[in-house]
Amino acid sequence: MHSQFGGALMDWLYLINTFWPIVVFIGTLAVGGFTYWLKSSVPTKAAHDALSEKVDTHALSLAKQNQRIEQVEAHIESAPTRQDLQESISGLSERVSAMEEGQNGIIRQLTTMNNYLHTIIEKSIPGAASR
């Protein structure tokens, strides 16, 4: 039994001794390929930092744009509707009408005062009507 075990062990040692350089060569190629893939697919720290800075800049810009959009939306939402404008216009129309009535009253008073002054002048200064 020892002879069979010793023969099988010798066969395994012979196979390991024979194929060891091939296995090491293939393993080296595999590790080299993996290292190359890792180096080409993963960015360097400098590239990562530059990209991170760009992302931060864009995030800040986006935040400012969002703030401006919110301000515009708030302004749009607070804009008067057609009904609000019509109510305001009707209110202004009433106010203008009231002002016109007030001006007409003042004009009537001024006309009356003017007529009184003309009458006083005509009666107090002889020949004033002829001027």
Protein backbone atom coordinates (compact mmCIF):
# COMPACT_ATOMS: atom_id res chain seq x y z
CA MET A 1 0.00 0.00 0.00
CA HIS A 2 2.88 2.29 0.67
CA SER A 3 4.21 1.67 -2.75
CA GLN A 4 0.96 2.72 -4.37
CA PHE A 5 0.76 5.80 -2.16
CA GLY A 6 4.38 6.66 -2.85
CA GLY A 7 3.89 6.22 -6.60
CA ALA A 8 0.82 8.45 -6.63
CA LEU A 9 2.63 11.06 -4.57
CA MET A 10 5.56 10.96 -6.94
CA ASP A 11 3.19 11.42 -9.87
CA TRP A 12 1.66 14.48 -8.18
CA LEU A 13 5.05 15.95 -7.38
CA TYR A 14 6.13 15.38 -10.96
CA LEU A 15 2.98 17.15 -12.26
CA ILE A 16 3.47 20.07 -9.86
CA ASN A 17 7.13 20.37 -10.80
CA THR A 18 6.28 20.23 -14.49
CA PHE A 19 3.34 22.66 -14.52
CA TRP A 20 4.49 25.06 -11.79
CA PRO A 21 6.17 27.53 -14.19
CA ILE A 22 3.08 27.56 -16.43
CA VAL A 23 0.76 28.20 -13.45
CA VAL A 24 3.02 30.99 -12.16
CA PHE A 25 3.17 32.57 -15.64
CA ILE A 26 -0.63 32.47 -16.07
CA GLY A 27 -1.11 33.79 -12.50
CA THR A 28 1.30 36.64 -13.18
CA LEU A 29 -0.57 37.52 -16.39
CA ALA A 30 -3.88 37.39 -14.51
CA VAL A 31 -2.61 39.66 -11.69
CA GLY A 32 -1.03 42.03 -14.24
CA GLY A 33 -4.25 42.14 -16.27
CA PHE A 34 -6.31 42.77 -13.17
CA THR A 35 -3.92 45.54 -12.07
CA TYR A 36 -4.10 47.16 -15.53
CA TRP A 37 -7.90 46.96 -15.54
CA LEU A 38 -8.07 48.41 -12.05
CA LYS A 39 -5.71 51.26 -12.94
CA SER A 40 -7.60 52.11 -16.13
CA SER A 41 -11.12 51.83 -14.69
CA VAL A 42 -10.62 53.53 -11.30
CA PRO A 43 -9.80 57.26 -11.44
CA THR A 44 -6.77 58.67 -9.74
CA LYS A 45 -7.11 60.78 -6.60
CA ALA A 46 -6.33 63.97 -8.53
CA ALA A 47 -8.97 63.17 -11.15
CA HIS A 48 -11.45 62.32 -8.40
CA ASP A 49 -10.74 65.58 -6.56
CA ALA A 50 -11.14 67.62 -9.77
CA LEU A 51 -14.40 65.87 -10.56
CA SER A 52 -15.61 66.32 -7.00
CA GLU A 53 -14.88 70.05 -7.22
CA LYS A 54 -16.84 70.29 -10.49
CA VAL A 55 -19.75 68.42 -8.93
CA ASP A 56 -19.72 70.77 -5.93
CA THR A 57 -19.67 73.80 -8.25
CA HIS A 58 -22.57 72.42 -10.27
CA ALA A 59 -24.50 71.56 -7.10
CA LEU A 60 -24.09 75.13 -5.85
CA SER A 61 -25.17 76.49 -9.23
CA LEU A 62 -28.17 74.16 -9.22
CA ALA A 63 -29.14 75.31 -5.74
CA LYS A 64 -29.01 78.95 -6.89
CA GLN A 65 -31.11 78.12 -9.96
CA ASN A 66 -33.66 76.31 -7.79
CA GLN A 67 -33.86 79.33 -5.49
CA ARG A 68 -34.45 81.63 -8.47
CA ILE A 69 -37.11 79.28 -9.85
CA GLU A 70 -38.87 79.23 -6.48
CA GLN A 71 -38.84 83.05 -6.40
CA VAL A 72 -40.30 83.22 -9.90
CA GLU A 73 -42.95 80.64 -9.03
CA ALA A 74 -43.88 82.57 -5.89
CA HIS A 75 -44.13 85.75 -7.93
CA ILE A 76 -46.28 84.02 -10.54
CA GLU A 77 -48.56 82.57 -7.86
CA SER A 78 -49.00 85.99 -6.26
CA ALA A 79 -49.87 87.65 -9.58
CA PRO A 80 -53.45 88.89 -9.74
CA THR A 81 -56.04 86.90 -11.60
CA ARG A 82 -58.35 88.33 -14.24
CA GLN A 83 -61.12 88.67 -11.68
CA ASP A 84 -58.79 90.51 -9.28
CA LEU A 85 -57.82 92.92 -12.04
CA GLN A 86 -61.45 93.53 -12.99
CA GLU A 87 -62.32 94.27 -9.35
CA SER A 88 -59.39 96.66 -9.09
CA ILE A 89 -60.39 98.41 -12.30
CA SER A 90 -63.99 98.76 -11.16
CA GLY A 91 -62.74 100.19 -7.85
CA LEU A 92 -60.54 102.64 -9.73
CA SER A 93 -63.46 103.56 -11.97
CA GLU A 94 -65.56 104.39 -8.90
CA ARG A 95 -62.75 106.48 -7.43
CA VAL A 96 -62.24 108.38 -10.68
CA SER A 97 -65.99 109.04 -10.90
CA ALA A 98 -65.98 110.37 -7.34
CA MET A 99 -63.01 112.61 -8.17
CA GLU A 100 -64.80 113.94 -11.26
CA GLU A 101 -67.87 114.75 -9.19
CA GLY A 102 -65.68 116.54 -6.66
CA GLN A 103 -63.98 118.52 -9.42
CA ASN A 104 -67.35 119.42 -10.93
CA GLY A 105 -68.47 120.73 -7.53
CA ILE A 106 -65.28 122.80 -7.22
CA ILE A 107 -65.77 124.13 -10.76
CA ARG A 108 -69.34 125.16 -9.91
CA GLN A 109 -68.13 126.94 -6.78
CA LEU A 110 -65.35 128.72 -8.70
CA THR A 111 -67.81 129.76 -11.38
CA THR A 112 -70.16 131.16 -8.75
CA MET A 113 -67.29 132.99 -7.03
CA ASN A 114 -66.15 134.35 -10.38
CA ASN A 115 -69.64 135.62 -11.12
CA TYR A 116 -69.82 137.29 -7.68
CA LEU A 117 -66.45 138.95 -8.23
CA HIS A 118 -67.53 140.26 -11.63
CA THR A 119 -70.73 141.62 -10.10
CA ILE A 120 -68.82 143.30 -7.25
CA ILE A 121 -66.30 144.77 -9.64
CA GLU A 122 -69.03 146.07 -11.95
CA LYS A 123 -70.94 147.68 -9.09
CA SER A 124 -67.98 149.13 -7.22
CA ILE A 125 -65.88 150.44 -10.13
CA PRO A 126 -67.80 152.56 -12.59
CA GLY A 127 -66.96 151.76 -16.22
CA ALA A 128 -65.36 148.40 -15.34
CA ALA A 129 -67.87 146.52 -17.45
CA SER A 130 -66.64 148.29 -20.54
CA ARG A 131 -63.11 147.00 -20.17
